[in-house]
Amino acid sequence: MLPNESISPSTNKQATVSLICGILAFVSLCGGIVPIPLTGFVCFPLSVLCGVLSIVYGIVALIQIRQTRESGKALAWTSLVLVGFIFLCLLSMAAVVVLLGYFAAFHVPILPTDFPNL
């Protein structure tokens, strides 16, 4: 090794795991949207699980990177931003389902007396 060469710091393993879990959460979220019966029951909980793991590993990675001066800060931040977007999408979908259920339950005519022109 030449004297002027510098050794690049190793990439933090937790940052890599965090990014992989974030990508898995994104893929499972997209898989849950596909109109195949019962995929939502598998994909959405898997997306939440991978998202939580990604957040935990991302925070642990950022703490370790600060202490050990390893590389991988961009990986950890990318996974945290990706999972934040995923949770925002899941929260929006849950709000739409709740609102649709509310309006369907309270605003659909059920009895013949609900139709004034009959």
N, C-alpha and C. Protein backbone atom coordinates (compact mmCIF):
# COMPACT_ATOMS: atom_id res chain seq x y z
N MET A 1 0.85 -1.18 0.00
CA MET A 1 0.00 0.00 0.00
C MET A 1 0.89 1.24 0.00
N LEU A 2 0.54 2.21 -0.80
CA LEU A 2 1.31 3.44 -0.90
C LEU A 2 1.06 4.33 0.31
N PRO A 3 2.03 5.14 0.68
CA PRO A 3 1.84 5.99 1.86
C PRO A 3 0.76 7.06 1.69
N ASN A 4 0.47 7.48 0.47
CA ASN A 4 -0.52 8.53 0.25
C ASN A 4 -1.95 7.99 0.16
N GLU A 5 -2.09 6.67 0.05
CA GLU A 5 -3.42 6.09 -0.02
C GLU A 5 -4.08 6.12 1.36
N SER A 6 -5.33 6.47 1.34
CA SER A 6 -6.07 6.44 2.61
C SER A 6 -7.05 5.28 2.56
N ILE A 7 -7.26 4.71 3.71
CA ILE A 7 -8.19 3.59 3.83
C ILE A 7 -9.57 4.17 4.07
N SER A 8 -10.50 3.81 3.20
CA SER A 8 -11.86 4.33 3.38
C SER A 8 -12.52 3.57 4.53
N PRO A 9 -13.32 4.28 5.31
CA PRO A 9 -13.98 3.60 6.43
C PRO A 9 -15.00 2.59 5.92
N SER A 10 -15.20 1.56 6.69
CA SER A 10 -16.15 0.52 6.29
C SER A 10 -17.58 1.03 6.43
N THR A 11 -18.45 0.44 5.66
CA THR A 11 -19.86 0.81 5.72
C THR A 11 -20.52 0.13 6.91
N ASN A 12 -21.31 0.89 7.62
CA ASN A 12 -22.00 0.37 8.79
C ASN A 12 -23.00 -0.70 8.37
N LYS A 13 -22.96 -1.84 9.04
CA LYS A 13 -23.82 -2.97 8.68
C LYS A 13 -25.29 -2.67 8.97
N GLN A 14 -25.57 -1.97 10.05
CA GLN A 14 -26.95 -1.64 10.38
C GLN A 14 -27.56 -0.69 9.35
N ALA A 15 -26.75 0.18 8.77
CA ALA A 15 -27.26 1.07 7.73
C ALA A 15 -27.65 0.27 6.49
N THR A 16 -26.85 -0.75 6.16
CA THR A 16 -27.18 -1.60 5.02
C THR A 16 -28.45 -2.39 5.28
N VAL A 17 -28.58 -2.96 6.48
CA VAL A 17 -29.78 -3.72 6.83
C VAL A 17 -31.00 -2.80 6.84
N SER A 18 -30.82 -1.58 7.30
CA SER A 18 -31.91 -0.61 7.32
C SER A 18 -32.40 -0.31 5.91
N LEU A 19 -31.48 -0.12 4.98
CA LEU A 19 -31.88 0.16 3.60
C LEU A 19 -32.56 -1.06 2.97
N ILE A 20 -32.06 -2.25 3.24
CA ILE A 20 -32.68 -3.46 2.70
C ILE A 20 -34.10 -3.62 3.25
N CYS A 21 -34.29 -3.39 4.55
CA CYS A 21 -35.63 -3.48 5.13
C CYS A 21 -36.55 -2.41 4.56
N GLY A 22 -36.02 -1.22 4.31
CA GLY A 22 -36.82 -0.16 3.71
C GLY A 22 -37.26 -0.50 2.30
N ILE A 23 -36.36 -1.10 1.52
CA ILE A 23 -36.72 -1.52 0.15
C ILE A 23 -37.75 -2.64 0.20
N LEU A 24 -37.59 -3.59 1.12
CA LEU A 24 -38.58 -4.65 1.27
C LEU A 24 -39.96 -4.10 1.67
N ALA A 25 -39.94 -3.08 2.53
CA ALA A 25 -41.21 -2.46 2.93
C ALA A 25 -41.87 -1.78 1.73
N PHE A 26 -41.08 -1.13 0.89
CA PHE A 26 -41.63 -0.47 -0.29
C PHE A 26 -42.18 -1.48 -1.28
N VAL A 27 -41.44 -2.56 -1.50
CA VAL A 27 -41.89 -3.59 -2.45
C VAL A 27 -43.16 -4.26 -1.93
N SER A 28 -43.23 -4.54 -0.63
CA SER A 28 -44.43 -5.18 -0.10
C SER A 28 -45.62 -4.22 -0.10
N LEU A 29 -45.37 -2.92 0.05
CA LEU A 29 -46.46 -1.95 -0.07
C LEU A 29 -47.00 -1.95 -1.49
N CYS A 30 -46.12 -1.95 -2.47
CA CYS A 30 -46.56 -1.99 -3.87
C CYS A 30 -47.25 -3.30 -4.18
N GLY A 31 -46.81 -4.39 -3.59
CA GLY A 31 -47.46 -5.68 -3.80
C GLY A 31 -48.85 -5.72 -3.20
N GLY A 32 -49.08 -4.98 -2.14
CA GLY A 32 -50.40 -4.95 -1.52
C GLY A 32 -51.41 -4.16 -2.32
N ILE A 33 -50.94 -3.28 -3.18
CA ILE A 33 -51.83 -2.47 -4.00
C ILE A 33 -52.30 -3.23 -5.24
N VAL A 34 -51.54 -4.25 -5.63
CA VAL A 34 -51.89 -5.05 -6.81
C VAL A 34 -53.26 -5.68 -6.61
N PRO A 35 -54.14 -5.61 -7.61
CA PRO A 35 -55.50 -6.13 -7.42
C PRO A 35 -55.59 -7.65 -7.51
N ILE A 36 -54.87 -8.34 -6.68
CA ILE A 36 -54.96 -9.79 -6.57
C ILE A 36 -55.60 -10.07 -5.21
N PRO A 37 -56.58 -10.95 -5.16
CA PRO A 37 -57.28 -11.19 -3.89
C PRO A 37 -56.34 -11.58 -2.75
N LEU A 38 -56.57 -10.99 -1.61
CA LEU A 38 -55.91 -11.29 -0.33
C LEU A 38 -54.44 -10.90 -0.26
N THR A 39 -53.90 -10.19 -1.26
CA THR A 39 -52.51 -9.78 -1.14
C THR A 39 -52.35 -8.68 -0.09
N GLY A 40 -53.37 -7.88 0.11
CA GLY A 40 -53.29 -6.82 1.11
C GLY A 40 -53.15 -7.34 2.52
N PHE A 41 -53.75 -8.50 2.79
CA PHE A 41 -53.67 -9.06 4.13
C PHE A 41 -52.27 -9.55 4.47
N VAL A 42 -51.49 -9.86 3.47
CA VAL A 42 -50.12 -10.31 3.68
C VAL A 42 -49.14 -9.14 3.53
N CYS A 43 -49.34 -8.34 2.50
CA CYS A 43 -48.34 -7.33 2.15
C CYS A 43 -48.34 -6.13 3.08
N PHE A 44 -49.50 -5.64 3.50
CA PHE A 44 -49.51 -4.45 4.34
C PHE A 44 -48.90 -4.70 5.72
N PRO A 45 -49.24 -5.81 6.41
CA PRO A 45 -48.55 -6.06 7.69
C PRO A 45 -47.05 -6.29 7.50
N LEU A 46 -46.66 -6.95 6.42
CA LEU A 46 -45.24 -7.14 6.13
C LEU A 46 -44.55 -5.80 5.88
N SER A 47 -45.24 -4.90 5.22
CA SER A 47 -44.69 -3.57 4.98
C SER A 47 -44.49 -2.81 6.29
N VAL A 48 -45.44 -2.92 7.20
CA VAL A 48 -45.30 -2.26 8.49
C VAL A 48 -44.16 -2.86 9.29
N LEU A 49 -44.06 -4.20 9.30
CA LEU A 49 -42.99 -4.87 10.03
C LEU A 49 -41.61 -4.48 9.49
N CYS A 50 -41.45 -4.54 8.18
CA CYS A 50 -40.16 -4.16 7.58
C CYS A 50 -39.88 -2.68 7.80
N GLY A 51 -40.92 -1.85 7.80
CA GLY A 51 -40.73 -0.43 8.04
C GLY A 51 -40.25 -0.14 9.46
N VAL A 52 -40.85 -0.82 10.42
CA VAL A 52 -40.41 -0.63 11.82
C VAL A 52 -38.97 -1.10 12.00
N LEU A 53 -38.64 -2.26 11.42
CA LEU A 53 -37.26 -2.74 11.49
C LEU A 53 -36.29 -1.76 10.84
N SER A 54 -36.71 -1.18 9.73
CA SER A 54 -35.86 -0.22 9.04
C SER A 54 -35.62 1.03 9.89
N ILE A 55 -36.65 1.49 10.57
CA ILE A 55 -36.49 2.66 11.43
C ILE A 55 -35.55 2.35 12.58
N VAL A 56 -35.74 1.20 13.21
CA VAL A 56 -34.88 0.83 14.35
C VAL A 56 -33.43 0.71 13.90
N TYR A 57 -33.19 -0.05 12.83
CA TYR A 57 -31.81 -0.21 12.36
C TYR A 57 -31.23 1.11 11.85
N GLY A 58 -32.04 1.95 11.25
CA GLY A 58 -31.55 3.25 10.78
C GLY A 58 -31.10 4.15 11.92
N ILE A 59 -31.87 4.19 12.99
CA ILE A 59 -31.50 5.02 14.14
C ILE A 59 -30.26 4.46 14.82
N VAL A 60 -30.21 3.15 14.98
CA VAL A 60 -29.02 2.51 15.57
C VAL A 60 -27.79 2.79 14.70
N ALA A 61 -27.97 2.72 13.38
CA ALA A 61 -26.85 2.97 12.48
C ALA A 61 -26.36 4.41 12.60
N LEU A 62 -27.26 5.36 12.67
CA LEU A 62 -26.84 6.76 12.79
C LEU A 62 -26.08 7.01 14.09
N ILE A 63 -26.52 6.37 15.17
CA ILE A 63 -25.81 6.52 16.44
C ILE A 63 -24.42 5.90 16.35
N GLN A 64 -24.33 4.70 15.77
CA GLN A 64 -23.02 4.05 15.64
C GLN A 64 -22.10 4.80 14.69
N ILE A 65 -22.65 5.33 13.62
CA ILE A 65 -21.83 6.08 12.66
C ILE A 65 -21.24 7.32 13.32
N ARG A 66 -22.02 7.98 14.16
CA ARG A 66 -21.52 9.15 14.86
C ARG A 66 -20.38 8.78 15.82
N GLN A 67 -20.48 7.62 16.45
CA GLN A 67 -19.48 7.21 17.43
C GLN A 67 -18.23 6.63 16.78
N THR A 68 -18.40 5.84 15.73
CA THR A 68 -17.26 5.10 15.16
C THR A 68 -16.70 5.71 13.89
N ARG A 69 -17.33 6.75 13.36
CA ARG A 69 -16.89 7.41 12.12
C ARG A 69 -16.90 6.47 10.91
N GLU A 70 -17.82 5.51 10.89
CA GLU A 70 -17.98 4.63 9.74
C GLU A 70 -18.74 5.38 8.65
N SER A 71 -18.74 4.82 7.45
CA SER A 71 -19.57 5.40 6.39
C SER A 71 -20.93 4.72 6.41
N GLY A 72 -21.85 5.23 5.63
CA GLY A 72 -23.19 4.65 5.57
C GLY A 72 -24.26 5.59 6.07
N LYS A 73 -23.88 6.84 6.33
CA LYS A 73 -24.86 7.80 6.83
C LYS A 73 -25.97 8.04 5.79
N ALA A 74 -25.58 8.09 4.52
CA ALA A 74 -26.57 8.31 3.46
C ALA A 74 -27.52 7.11 3.34
N LEU A 75 -27.00 5.90 3.54
CA LEU A 75 -27.87 4.72 3.51
C LEU A 75 -28.92 4.78 4.61
N ALA A 76 -28.49 5.13 5.79
CA ALA A 76 -29.42 5.19 6.93
C ALA A 76 -30.48 6.27 6.71
N TRP A 77 -30.05 7.44 6.26
CA TRP A 77 -31.02 8.52 6.04
C TRP A 77 -31.96 8.20 4.89
N THR A 78 -31.45 7.55 3.85
CA THR A 78 -32.31 7.17 2.73
C THR A 78 -33.39 6.20 3.18
N SER A 79 -33.01 5.23 4.00
CA SER A 79 -34.01 4.27 4.48
C SER A 79 -35.04 4.95 5.38
N LEU A 80 -34.60 5.89 6.21
CA LEU A 80 -35.55 6.57 7.09
C LEU A 80 -36.53 7.42 6.30
N VAL A 81 -36.05 8.10 5.26
CA VAL A 81 -36.94 8.91 4.43
C VAL A 81 -37.91 8.02 3.65
N LEU A 82 -37.40 6.91 3.11
CA LEU A 82 -38.25 5.98 2.36
C LEU A 82 -39.34 5.40 3.24
N VAL A 83 -38.99 5.01 4.44
CA VAL A 83 -39.99 4.43 5.35
C VAL A 83 -40.97 5.50 5.83
N GLY A 84 -40.50 6.73 5.99
CA GLY A 84 -41.43 7.81 6.33
C GLY A 84 -42.48 8.00 5.24
N PHE A 85 -42.04 7.92 3.98
CA PHE A 85 -42.98 8.02 2.86
C PHE A 85 -43.95 6.84 2.87
N ILE A 86 -43.44 5.65 3.16
CA ILE A 86 -44.29 4.46 3.18
C ILE A 86 -45.34 4.57 4.27
N PHE A 87 -44.94 5.02 5.47
CA PHE A 87 -45.91 5.16 6.55
C PHE A 87 -46.92 6.26 6.25
N LEU A 88 -46.51 7.30 5.54
CA LEU A 88 -47.45 8.34 5.13
C LEU A 88 -48.47 7.76 4.15
N CYS A 89 -48.03 6.92 3.23
CA CYS A 89 -48.95 6.25 2.30
C CYS A 89 -49.91 5.32 3.03
N LEU A 90 -49.38 4.53 3.97
CA LEU A 90 -50.24 3.61 4.73
C LEU A 90 -51.26 4.38 5.57
N LEU A 91 -50.84 5.49 6.16
CA LEU A 91 -51.76 6.31 6.95
C LEU A 91 -52.84 6.92 6.06
N SER A 92 -52.47 7.36 4.87
CA SER A 92 -53.45 7.91 3.93
C SER A 92 -54.45 6.85 3.50
N MET A 93 -53.96 5.64 3.20
CA MET A 93 -54.86 4.57 2.80
C MET A 93 -55.81 4.19 3.93
N ALA A 94 -55.30 4.16 5.15
CA ALA A 94 -56.16 3.84 6.30
C ALA A 94 -57.22 4.92 6.49
N ALA A 95 -56.86 6.18 6.30
CA ALA A 95 -57.83 7.27 6.44
C ALA A 95 -58.90 7.17 5.36
N VAL A 96 -58.53 6.82 4.15
CA VAL A 96 -59.51 6.66 3.07
C VAL A 96 -60.46 5.51 3.38
N VAL A 97 -59.94 4.40 3.87
CA VAL A 97 -60.80 3.25 4.20
C VAL A 97 -61.76 3.61 5.32
N VAL A 98 -61.30 4.31 6.34
CA VAL A 98 -62.17 4.71 7.45
C VAL A 98 -63.24 5.67 6.97
N LEU A 99 -62.86 6.66 6.15
CA LEU A 99 -63.84 7.62 5.65
C LEU A 99 -64.85 6.96 4.72
N LEU A 100 -64.39 6.06 3.87
CA LEU A 100 -65.32 5.35 3.00
C LEU A 100 -66.28 4.50 3.80
N GLY A 101 -65.79 3.85 4.84
CA GLY A 101 -66.66 3.07 5.70
C GLY A 101 -67.67 3.93 6.42
N TYR A 102 -67.25 5.11 6.84
CA TYR A 102 -68.16 6.04 7.53
C TYR A 102 -69.26 6.49 6.58
N PHE A 103 -68.88 6.95 5.40
CA PHE A 103 -69.88 7.45 4.47
C PHE A 103 -70.77 6.34 3.93
N ALA A 104 -70.24 5.15 3.76
CA ALA A 104 -71.06 4.03 3.29
C ALA A 104 -72.06 3.60 4.36
N ALA A 105 -71.67 3.67 5.61
CA ALA A 105 -72.55 3.22 6.68
C ALA A 105 -73.66 4.22 6.99
N PHE A 106 -73.40 5.50 6.85
CA PHE A 106 -74.36 6.50 7.29
C PHE A 106 -75.04 7.27 6.16
N HIS A 107 -74.65 7.05 4.93
CA HIS A 107 -75.23 7.85 3.86
C HIS A 107 -75.78 7.03 2.71
N VAL A 108 -75.94 5.76 2.88
CA VAL A 108 -76.51 4.91 1.84
C VAL A 108 -77.95 4.59 2.22
N PRO A 109 -78.89 4.84 1.32
CA PRO A 109 -80.28 4.50 1.67
C PRO A 109 -80.47 2.99 1.78
N ILE A 110 -81.11 2.59 2.85
CA ILE A 110 -81.27 1.16 3.11
C ILE A 110 -82.75 0.76 3.05
N LEU A 111 -83.60 1.52 3.67
CA LEU A 111 -85.01 1.19 3.76
C LEU A 111 -85.78 1.81 2.60
N PRO A 112 -86.93 1.25 2.23
CA PRO A 112 -87.72 1.86 1.15
C PRO A 112 -88.21 3.26 1.50
N THR A 113 -88.33 3.57 2.79
CA THR A 113 -88.74 4.92 3.17
C THR A 113 -87.66 5.96 2.92
N ASP A 114 -86.45 5.50 2.68
CA ASP A 114 -85.36 6.42 2.39
C ASP A 114 -85.45 6.95 0.96
N PHE A 115 -86.27 6.34 0.13
CA PHE A 115 -86.46 6.80 -1.24
C PHE A 115 -87.77 7.59 -1.31
N PRO A 116 -87.72 8.90 -1.36
CA PRO A 116 -88.96 9.68 -1.29
C PRO A 116 -89.81 9.59 -2.56
N ASN A 117 -89.26 9.22 -3.69
CA ASN A 117 -90.03 9.24 -4.93
C ASN A 117 -90.69 7.91 -5.25
N LEU A 118 -90.62 6.92 -4.40
CA LEU A 118 -91.23 5.62 -4.70
C LEU A 118 -92.69 5.60 -4.34
